[in-house]
Amino acid sequence: MLIDFNTVIAQIINFLILFILLWRFLYKPILQTIKKRQAMIDERWENAEVAQEKAQREATLYRQQQKELQQQQEAIMIQAHQEVEQERQKLLIQARCEVEQMETKWKDALAQEKNNFLLALRQQVLGETNRIVRLALRDLANADLEEQIVTIFCQRLQQTDKLQWQEIAQSLSNYNQPIVISSSFEMPFTSRQKVRETLNLVLQNAGFMPPKDGVSNENLFKFTTLPALICGVQVNLAGYEIAWNLDDYLQILEERLSATFK
């Protein structure tokens, strides 16, 4: 087979021209486009990595902030619980104090009411007893009863402590007033004489001597009637008082009533 070199050369030239044209107008623009797109992709990839890193940092920061917020919430809750507990304890103490104060006031009011009741009862008992005794004495009083009262009173004088009589005798030595003997009834002469003799005896045993410049022995005693006494007799000697009457027994009754109420 014969080769036409002219044709071969022409085809080579055409191929070269075609290659140059393809390179110039097709392959080179494609390569440039590919490079641009690659650069764009690289840029986007870098931007994506930057954005991812930023997102990771923000996520880390968010988690840290969320953790701090949770810790703050827990601290606030703990503080709130503590404050609530403190306020509860404060209110409990305040309520307990108020209850104790109310209880104290109630007890004081109850004690005052009881005392008022006992006082009113005592006055009523004394008054009623006094009234009843006086009514009974009005019906039953006689010389024998009055003489018995005087006898018991003289026994009370003789049974009084000797030291007390010595104190009375010492006080009477500087006392220029008569010795006052009061009774709930008009005392007859014989009873008065019995009281005088008993007083003279106990005073002399205590060492009493009437002052020379004072009242005479005849006027040393003064007898009076005292209706307030309940079936009794009392004697006043220089500020001292010795008595026997039913009020002593009424006081015992009052004490027993008070103990019963308690």
C-alpha atoms as a PDB file:
ATOM      1  CA  MET A   1       0.000   0.000   0.000  1.00  0.00           C
ATOM      2  CA  LEU A   2       1.401   3.335  -1.059  1.00  0.00           C
ATOM      3  CA  ILE A   3       1.444   6.121   1.548  1.00  0.00           C
ATOM      4  CA  ASP A   4       0.664   9.608   0.423  1.00  0.00           C
ATOM      5  CA  PHE A   5       2.917  11.722   2.516  1.00  0.00           C
ATOM      6  CA  ASN A   6       1.189  14.877   1.472  1.00  0.00           C
ATOM      7  CA  THR A   7      -2.052  13.527   2.728  1.00  0.00           C
ATOM      8  CA  VAL A   8      -0.457  12.363   5.939  1.00  0.00           C
ATOM      9  CA  ILE A   9       1.156  15.698   6.468  1.00  0.00           C
ATOM     10  CA  ALA A  10      -2.124  17.449   5.714  1.00  0.00           C
ATOM     11  CA  GLN A  11      -3.974  15.236   8.233  1.00  0.00           C
ATOM     12  CA  ILE A  12      -1.269  15.856  10.811  1.00  0.00           C
ATOM     13  CA  ILE A  13      -1.602  19.543  10.205  1.00  0.00           C
ATOM     14  CA  ASN A  14      -5.384  19.310  10.466  1.00  0.00           C
ATOM     15  CA  PHE A  15      -5.057  17.291  13.686  1.00  0.00           C
ATOM     16  CA  LEU A  16      -2.692  19.859  15.104  1.00  0.00           C
ATOM     17  CA  ILE A  17      -5.002  22.664  14.108  1.00  0.00           C
ATOM     18  CA  LEU A  18      -7.926  20.790  15.629  1.00  0.00           C
ATOM     19  CA  PHE A  19      -5.957  20.077  18.794  1.00  0.00           C
ATOM     20  CA  ILE A  20      -4.928  23.721  19.048  1.00  0.00           C
ATOM     21  CA  LEU A  21      -8.517  24.845  18.486  1.00  0.00           C
ATOM     22  CA  LEU A  22      -9.841  22.318  21.026  1.00  0.00           C
ATOM     23  CA  TRP A  23      -7.215  23.331  23.556  1.00  0.00           C
ATOM     24  CA  ARG A  24      -7.831  26.983  22.980  1.00  0.00           C
ATOM     25  CA  PHE A  25     -11.576  27.070  22.867  1.00  0.00           C
ATOM     26  CA  LEU A  26     -12.757  23.957  24.692  1.00  0.00           C
ATOM     27  CA  TYR A  27     -10.317  22.179  27.014  1.00  0.00           C
ATOM     28  CA  LYS A  28      -8.712  25.297  28.459  1.00  0.00           C
ATOM     29  CA  PRO A  29     -12.070  26.961  29.349  1.00  0.00           C
ATOM     30  CA  ILE A  30     -13.190  23.648  30.832  1.00  0.00           C
ATOM     31  CA  LEU A  31     -10.020  23.440  32.932  1.00  0.00           C
ATOM     32  CA  GLN A  32     -10.484  27.035  34.030  1.00  0.00           C
ATOM     33  CA  THR A  33     -14.100  26.343  34.896  1.00  0.00           C
ATOM     34  CA  ILE A  34     -13.042  23.217  36.792  1.00  0.00           C
ATOM     35  CA  LYS A  35     -10.397  25.195  38.680  1.00  0.00           C
ATOM     36  CA  LYS A  36     -12.908  27.916  39.531  1.00  0.00           C
ATOM     37  CA  ARG A  37     -15.400  25.355  40.732  1.00  0.00           C
ATOM     38  CA  GLN A  38     -12.675  23.562  42.689  1.00  0.00           C
ATOM     39  CA  ALA A  39     -11.630  26.854  44.232  1.00  0.00           C
ATOM     40  CA  MET A  40     -15.269  27.585  45.008  1.00  0.00           C
ATOM     41  CA  ILE A  41     -15.697  24.143  46.499  1.00  0.00           C
ATOM     42  CA  ASP A  42     -12.506  24.556  48.535  1.00  0.00           C
ATOM     43  CA  GLU A  43     -13.698  27.949  49.715  1.00  0.00           C
ATOM     44  CA  ARG A  44     -17.085  26.567  50.618  1.00  0.00           C
ATOM     45  CA  TRP A  45     -15.418  23.637  52.339  1.00  0.00           C
ATOM     46  CA  GLU A  46     -13.210  25.991  54.318  1.00  0.00           C
ATOM     47  CA  ASN A  47     -16.231  28.116  55.133  1.00  0.00           C
ATOM     48  CA  ALA A  48     -18.073  24.998  56.152  1.00  0.00           C
ATOM     49  CA  GLU A  49     -15.209  23.911  58.385  1.00  0.00           C
ATOM     50  CA  VAL A  50     -15.046  27.406  59.882  1.00  0.00           C
ATOM     51  CA  ALA A  51     -18.795  27.358  60.391  1.00  0.00           C
ATOM     52  CA  GLN A  52     -18.571  23.868  61.874  1.00  0.00           C
ATOM     53  CA  GLU A  53     -15.809  24.947  64.243  1.00  0.00           C
ATOM     54  CA  LYS A  54     -17.833  28.018  65.123  1.00  0.00           C
ATOM     55  CA  ALA A  55     -20.908  25.862  65.655  1.00  0.00           C
ATOM     56  CA  GLN A  56     -18.899  23.482  67.816  1.00  0.00           C
ATOM     57  CA  ARG A  57     -17.545  26.387  69.837  1.00  0.00           C
ATOM     58  CA  GLU A  58     -21.038  27.815  70.182  1.00  0.00           C
ATOM     59  CA  ALA A  59     -22.383  24.390  71.103  1.00  0.00           C
ATOM     60  CA  THR A  60     -19.624  23.987  73.702  1.00  0.00           C
ATOM     61  CA  LEU A  61     -20.337  27.501  74.967  1.00  0.00           C
ATOM     62  CA  TYR A  62     -24.073  26.717  75.050  1.00  0.00           C
ATOM     63  CA  ARG A  63     -23.489  23.498  76.952  1.00  0.00           C
ATOM     64  CA  GLN A  64     -21.222  25.367  79.365  1.00  0.00           C
ATOM     65  CA  GLN A  65     -23.786  28.118  79.799  1.00  0.00           C
ATOM     66  CA  GLN A  66     -26.529  25.525  80.204  1.00  0.00           C
ATOM     67  CA  LYS A  67     -24.448  23.743  82.842  1.00  0.00           C
ATOM     68  CA  GLU A  68     -23.765  27.014  84.657  1.00  0.00           C
ATOM     69  CA  LEU A  69     -27.442  27.905  84.413  1.00  0.00           C
ATOM     70  CA  GLN A  70     -28.400  24.527  85.857  1.00  0.00           C
ATOM     71  CA  GLN A  71     -25.898  24.994  88.659  1.00  0.00           C
ATOM     72  CA  GLN A  72     -27.306  28.457  89.304  1.00  0.00           C
ATOM     73  CA  GLN A  73     -30.816  27.040  89.311  1.00  0.00           C
ATOM     74  CA  GLU A  74     -29.768  24.340  91.758  1.00  0.00           C
ATOM     75  CA  ALA A  75     -28.055  26.942  93.940  1.00  0.00           C
ATOM     76  CA  ILE A  76     -31.156  29.145  93.778  1.00  0.00           C
ATOM     77  CA  MET A  77     -33.369  26.180  94.639  1.00  0.00           C
ATOM     78  CA  ILE A  78     -31.123  25.221  97.558  1.00  0.00           C
ATOM     79  CA  GLN A  79     -31.096  28.820  98.776  1.00  0.00           C
ATOM     80  CA  ALA A  80     -34.856  29.037  98.315  1.00  0.00           C
ATOM     81  CA  HIS A  81     -35.325  25.807 100.310  1.00  0.00           C
ATOM     82  CA  GLN A  82     -33.052  27.155 103.025  1.00  0.00           C
ATOM     83  CA  GLU A  83     -34.911  30.463 103.129  1.00  0.00           C
ATOM     84  CA  VAL A  84     -38.247  28.642 103.200  1.00  0.00           C
ATOM     85  CA  GLU A  85     -37.001  26.388 106.004  1.00  0.00           C
ATOM     86  CA  GLN A  86     -35.672  29.373 107.930  1.00  0.00           C
ATOM     87  CA  GLU A  87     -38.958  31.212 107.462  1.00  0.00           C
ATOM     88  CA  ARG A  88     -40.858  28.093 108.518  1.00  0.00           C
ATOM     89  CA  GLN A  89     -38.738  27.744 111.652  1.00  0.00           C
ATOM     90  CA  LYS A  90     -39.182  31.461 112.330  1.00  0.00           C
ATOM     91  CA  LEU A  91     -42.945  31.190 111.931  1.00  0.00           C
ATOM     92  CA  LEU A  92     -43.002  28.066 114.106  1.00  0.00           C
ATOM     93  CA  ILE A  93     -41.031  29.822 116.840  1.00  0.00           C
ATOM     94  CA  GLN A  94     -43.241  32.902 116.517  1.00  0.00           C
ATOM     95  CA  ALA A  95     -46.379  30.766 116.621  1.00  0.00           C
ATOM     96  CA  ARG A  96     -45.016  28.828 119.619  1.00  0.00           C
ATOM     97  CA  CYS A  97     -44.232  32.097 121.408  1.00  0.00           C
ATOM     98  CA  GLU A  98     -47.699  33.437 120.635  1.00  0.00           C
ATOM     99  CA  VAL A  99     -49.274  30.225 121.896  1.00  0.00           C
ATOM    100  CA  GLU A 100     -47.150  30.357 125.052  1.00  0.00           C
ATOM    101  CA  GLN A 101     -48.099  34.000 125.575  1.00  0.00           C
ATOM    102  CA  MET A 102     -51.765  33.169 125.026  1.00  0.00           C
ATOM    103  CA  GLU A 103     -51.425  30.228 127.419  1.00  0.00           C
ATOM    104  CA  THR A 104     -49.730  32.448 130.009  1.00  0.00           C
ATOM    105  CA  LYS A 105     -52.415  35.102 129.622  1.00  0.00           C
ATOM    106  CA  TRP A 106     -55.089  32.418 129.844  1.00  0.00           C
ATOM    107  CA  LYS A 107     -53.516  30.955 132.972  1.00  0.00           C
ATOM    108  CA  ASP A 108     -53.166  34.420 134.500  1.00  0.00           C
ATOM    109  CA  ALA A 109     -56.773  35.210 133.634  1.00  0.00           C
ATOM    110  CA  LEU A 110     -57.857  31.847 135.031  1.00  0.00           C
ATOM    111  CA  ALA A 111     -55.832  32.399 138.210  1.00  0.00           C
ATOM    112  CA  GLN A 112     -57.269  35.902 138.554  1.00  0.00           C
ATOM    113  CA  GLU A 113     -60.764  34.564 137.963  1.00  0.00           C
ATOM    114  CA  LYS A 114     -60.169  31.818 140.519  1.00  0.00           C
ATOM    115  CA  ASN A 115     -58.827  34.339 143.035  1.00  0.00           C
ATOM    116  CA  ASN A 116     -61.790  36.616 142.420  1.00  0.00           C
ATOM    117  CA  PHE A 117     -64.114  33.665 142.802  1.00  0.00           C
ATOM    118  CA  LEU A 118     -62.423  32.531 146.007  1.00  0.00           C
ATOM    119  CA  LEU A 119     -62.471  36.080 147.348  1.00  0.00           C
ATOM    120  CA  ALA A 120     -66.141  36.466 146.491  1.00  0.00           C
ATOM    121  CA  LEU A 121     -66.841  33.022 147.942  1.00  0.00           C
ATOM    122  CA  ARG A 122     -64.890  33.846 151.080  1.00  0.00           C
ATOM    123  CA  GLN A 123     -66.770  37.102 151.516  1.00  0.00           C
ATOM    124  CA  GLN A 124     -70.060  35.348 150.869  1.00  0.00           C
ATOM    125  CA  VAL A 125     -69.221  32.484 153.244  1.00  0.00           C
ATOM    126  CA  LEU A 126     -68.035  34.891 155.919  1.00  0.00           C
ATOM    127  CA  GLY A 127     -71.024  37.121 155.423  1.00  0.00           C
ATOM    128  CA  GLU A 128     -73.530  34.277 155.422  1.00  0.00           C
ATOM    129  CA  THR A 129     -71.829  32.570 158.348  1.00  0.00           C
ATOM    130  CA  ASN A 130     -71.690  35.832 160.248  1.00  0.00           C
ATOM    131  CA  ARG A 131     -75.360  36.450 159.515  1.00  0.00           C
ATOM    132  CA  ILE A 132     -76.351  32.904 160.467  1.00  0.00           C
ATOM    133  CA  VAL A 133     -74.204  32.956 163.607  1.00  0.00           C
ATOM    134  CA  ARG A 134     -75.620  36.295 164.655  1.00  0.00           C
ATOM    135  CA  LEU A 135     -79.154  35.038 164.068  1.00  0.00           C
ATOM    136  CA  ALA A 136     -78.327  31.878 166.025  1.00  0.00           C
ATOM    137  CA  LEU A 137     -76.741  33.909 168.818  1.00  0.00           C
ATOM    138  CA  ARG A 138     -79.743  36.183 168.908  1.00  0.00           C
ATOM    139  CA  ASP A 139     -81.863  33.097 169.623  1.00  0.00           C
ATOM    140  CA  LEU A 140     -79.404  31.083 171.690  1.00  0.00           C
ATOM    141  CA  ALA A 141     -77.201  33.617 173.487  1.00  0.00           C
ATOM    142  CA  ASN A 142     -77.243  33.266 177.220  1.00  0.00           C
ATOM    143  CA  ALA A 143     -74.975  33.833 180.168  1.00  0.00           C
ATOM    144  CA  ASP A 144     -73.552  30.328 180.015  1.00  0.00           C
ATOM    145  CA  LEU A 145     -72.433  30.728 176.367  1.00  0.00           C
ATOM    146  CA  GLU A 146     -70.859  34.136 176.985  1.00  0.00           C
ATOM    147  CA  GLU A 147     -69.103  32.796 180.089  1.00  0.00           C
ATOM    148  CA  GLN A 148     -67.780  29.850 178.064  1.00  0.00           C
ATOM    149  CA  ILE A 149     -66.412  32.259 175.440  1.00  0.00           C
ATOM    150  CA  VAL A 150     -64.625  34.239 178.153  1.00  0.00           C
ATOM    151  CA  THR A 151     -63.228  31.027 179.659  1.00  0.00           C
ATOM    152  CA  ILE A 152     -61.836  29.893 176.279  1.00  0.00           C
ATOM    153  CA  PHE A 153     -60.357  33.359 175.714  1.00  0.00           C
ATOM    154  CA  CYS A 154     -58.602  33.278 179.092  1.00  0.00           C
ATOM    155  CA  GLN A 155     -57.208  29.860 178.219  1.00  0.00           C
ATOM    156  CA  ARG A 156     -55.904  31.337 174.948  1.00  0.00           C
ATOM    157  CA  LEU A 157     -54.179  34.108 176.940  1.00  0.00           C
ATOM    158  CA  GLN A 158     -52.489  31.571 179.218  1.00  0.00           C
ATOM    159  CA  GLN A 159     -51.419  29.410 176.258  1.00  0.00           C
ATOM    160  CA  THR A 160     -49.770  32.299 174.382  1.00  0.00           C
ATOM    161  CA  ASP A 161     -45.985  31.954 174.042  1.00  0.00           C
ATOM    162  CA  LYS A 162     -44.009  33.351 177.004  1.00  0.00           C
ATOM    163  CA  LEU A 163     -41.530  35.120 174.748  1.00  0.00           C
ATOM    164  CA  GLN A 164     -44.387  36.988 173.123  1.00  0.00           C
ATOM    165  CA  TRP A 165     -45.676  38.014 176.537  1.00  0.00           C
ATOM    166  CA  GLN A 166     -42.214  39.287 177.438  1.00  0.00           C
ATOM    167  CA  GLU A 167     -42.175  41.396 174.259  1.00  0.00           C
ATOM    168  CA  ILE A 168     -45.649  42.682 175.109  1.00  0.00           C
ATOM    169  CA  ALA A 169     -44.596  43.469 178.703  1.00  0.00           C
ATOM    170  CA  GLN A 170     -41.543  45.378 177.470  1.00  0.00           C
ATOM    171  CA  SER A 171     -43.695  47.410 175.074  1.00  0.00           C
ATOM    172  CA  LEU A 172     -46.285  48.130 177.772  1.00  0.00           C
ATOM    173  CA  SER A 173     -43.605  49.564 180.028  1.00  0.00           C
ATOM    174  CA  ASN A 174     -43.401  52.610 177.739  1.00  0.00           C
ATOM    175  CA  TYR A 175     -47.110  52.650 176.872  1.00  0.00           C
ATOM    176  CA  ASN A 176     -49.401  55.009 178.754  1.00  0.00           C
ATOM    177  CA  GLN A 177     -52.686  53.955 177.176  1.00  0.00           C
ATOM    178  CA  PRO A 178     -55.130  51.450 178.713  1.00  0.00           C
ATOM    179  CA  ILE A 179     -55.327  47.865 177.514  1.00  0.00           C
ATOM    180  CA  VAL A 180     -58.456  47.574 175.354  1.00  0.00           C
ATOM    181  CA  ILE A 181     -60.538  44.395 175.658  1.00  0.00           C
ATOM    182  CA  SER A 182     -63.261  44.080 173.023  1.00  0.00           C
ATOM    183  CA  SER A 183     -66.045  41.510 172.908  1.00  0.00           C
ATOM    184  CA  SER A 184     -68.956  40.771 170.615  1.00  0.00           C
ATOM    185  CA  PHE A 185     -71.351  41.025 173.583  1.00  0.00           C
ATOM    186  CA  GLU A 186     -71.706  43.153 176.663  1.00  0.00           C
ATOM    187  CA  MET A 187     -69.366  41.455 179.115  1.00  0.00           C
ATOM    188  CA  PRO A 188     -70.724  41.178 182.709  1.00  0.00           C
ATOM    189  CA  PHE A 189     -68.692  42.242 185.730  1.00  0.00           C
ATOM    190  CA  THR A 190     -67.674  38.711 186.743  1.00  0.00           C
ATOM    191  CA  SER A 191     -66.349  37.990 183.257  1.00  0.00           C
ATOM    192  CA  ARG A 192     -64.464  41.284 183.190  1.00  0.00           C
ATOM    193  CA  GLN A 193     -62.900  40.478 186.530  1.00  0.00           C
ATOM    194  CA  LYS A 194     -61.849  37.059 185.239  1.00  0.00           C
ATOM    195  CA  VAL A 195     -60.181  38.638 182.208  1.00  0.00           C
ATOM    196  CA  ARG A 196     -58.425  41.234 184.403  1.00  0.00           C
ATOM    197  CA  GLU A 197     -57.060  38.565 186.718  1.00  0.00           C
ATOM    198  CA  THR A 198     -55.810  36.443 183.822  1.00  0.00           C
ATOM    199  CA  LEU A 199     -54.097  39.403 182.134  1.00  0.00           C
ATOM    200  CA  ASN A 200     -52.522  40.568 185.398  1.00  0.00           C
ATOM    201  CA  LEU A 201     -51.223  37.050 186.001  1.00  0.00           C
ATOM    202  CA  VAL A 202     -49.612  36.555 182.595  1.00  0.00           C
ATOM    203  CA  LEU A 203     -48.214  40.104 182.537  1.00  0.00           C
ATOM    204  CA  GLN A 204     -46.705  39.764 185.994  1.00  0.00           C
ATOM    205  CA  ASN A 205     -45.159  36.428 184.994  1.00  0.00           C
ATOM    206  CA  ALA A 206     -43.667  38.211 181.986  1.00  0.00           C
ATOM    207  CA  GLY A 207     -42.162  40.875 184.255  1.00  0.00           C
ATOM    208  CA  PHE A 208     -44.560  43.737 183.537  1.00  0.00           C
ATOM    209  CA  MET A 209     -44.762  46.528 186.080  1.00  0.00           C
ATOM    210  CA  PRO A 210     -47.181  49.413 185.401  1.00  0.00           C
ATOM    211  CA  PRO A 211     -45.316  52.752 185.125  1.00  0.00           C
ATOM    212  CA  LYS A 212     -45.691  55.022 188.148  1.00  0.00           C
ATOM    213  CA  ASP A 213     -46.596  58.049 186.040  1.00  0.00           C
ATOM    214  CA  GLY A 214     -48.951  56.060 183.799  1.00  0.00           C
ATOM    215  CA  VAL A 215     -52.513  54.975 184.262  1.00  0.00           C
ATOM    216  CA  SER A 216     -53.490  53.307 187.514  1.00  0.00           C
ATOM    217  CA  ASN A 217     -54.024  49.572 187.746  1.00  0.00           C
ATOM    218  CA  GLU A 218     -57.716  50.211 188.280  1.00  0.00           C
ATOM    219  CA  ASN A 219     -57.984  52.001 184.952  1.00  0.00           C
ATOM    220  CA  LEU A 220     -55.409  49.825 183.186  1.00  0.00           C
ATOM    221  CA  PHE A 221     -58.119  47.864 181.363  1.00  0.00           C
ATOM    222  CA  LYS A 222     -60.833  49.256 179.126  1.00  0.00           C
ATOM    223  CA  PHE A 223     -63.764  47.060 178.030  1.00  0.00           C
ATOM    224  CA  THR A 224     -65.669  47.774 174.813  1.00  0.00           C
ATOM    225  CA  THR A 225     -68.263  46.046 172.659  1.00  0.00           C
ATOM    226  CA  LEU A 226     -67.261  45.258 169.072  1.00  0.00           C
ATOM    227  CA  PRO A 227     -70.153  43.830 167.018  1.00  0.00           C
ATOM    228  CA  ALA A 228     -67.813  42.959 164.140  1.00  0.00           C
ATOM    229  CA  LEU A 229     -66.345  40.114 166.212  1.00  0.00           C
ATOM    230  CA  ILE A 230     -68.009  36.756 165.616  1.00  0.00           C
ATOM    231  CA  CYS A 231     -68.662  35.226 169.029  1.00  0.00           C
ATOM    232  CA  GLY A 232     -65.317  36.186 170.440  1.00  0.00           C
ATOM    233  CA  VAL A 233     -63.061  38.401 172.530  1.00  0.00           C
ATOM    234  CA  GLN A 234     -59.840  40.207 171.661  1.00  0.00           C
ATOM    235  CA  VAL A 235     -57.316  42.285 173.569  1.00  0.00           C
ATOM    236  CA  ASN A 236     -55.012  45.030 172.195  1.00  0.00           C
ATOM    237  CA  LEU A 237     -51.787  45.588 174.097  1.00  0.00           C
ATOM    238  CA  ALA A 238     -49.408  48.242 172.769  1.00  0.00           C
ATOM    239  CA  GLY A 239     -49.860  47.226 169.164  1.00  0.00           C
ATOM    240  CA  TYR A 240     -50.186  43.499 169.866  1.00  0.00           C
ATOM    241  CA  GLU A 241     -53.466  41.674 169.457  1.00  0.00           C
ATOM    242  CA  ILE A 242     -54.612  38.373 170.976  1.00  0.00           C
ATOM    243  CA  ALA A 243     -58.082  37.145 170.037  1.00  0.00           C
ATOM    244  CA  TRP A 244     -60.422  34.183 169.957  1.00  0.00           C
ATOM    245  CA  ASN A 245     -63.531  34.139 167.790  1.00  0.00           C
ATOM    246  CA  LEU A 246     -65.209  32.119 165.093  1.00  0.00           C
ATOM    247  CA  ASP A 247     -63.288  33.971 162.369  1.00  0.00           C
ATOM    248  CA  ASP A 248     -60.299  31.665 163.056  1.00  0.00           C
ATOM    249  CA  TYR A 249     -62.434  28.661 162.185  1.00  0.00           C
ATOM    250  CA  LEU A 250     -63.821  30.442 159.138  1.00  0.00           C
ATOM    251  CA  GLN A 251     -60.261  31.042 157.927  1.00  0.00           C
ATOM    252  CA  ILE A 252     -59.566  27.309 158.308  1.00  0.00           C
ATOM    253  CA  LEU A 253     -62.706  26.653 156.277  1.00  0.00           C
ATOM    254  CA  GLU A 254     -61.501  29.119 153.639  1.00  0.00           C
ATOM    255  CA  GLU A 255     -58.094  27.403 153.407  1.00  0.00           C
ATOM    256  CA  ARG A 256     -59.724  24.015 152.993  1.00  0.00           C
ATOM    257  CA  LEU A 257     -62.065  25.381 150.330  1.00  0.00           C
ATOM    258  CA  SER A 258     -59.099  26.941 148.525  1.00  0.00           C
ATOM    259  CA  ALA A 259     -57.215  23.622 148.637  1.00  0.00           C
ATOM    260  CA  THR A 260     -60.316  21.839 147.333  1.00  0.00           C
ATOM    261  CA  PHE A 261     -60.603  24.273 144.415  1.00  0.00           C
ATOM    262  CA  LYS A 262     -56.937  23.785 143.525  1.00  0.00           C
END
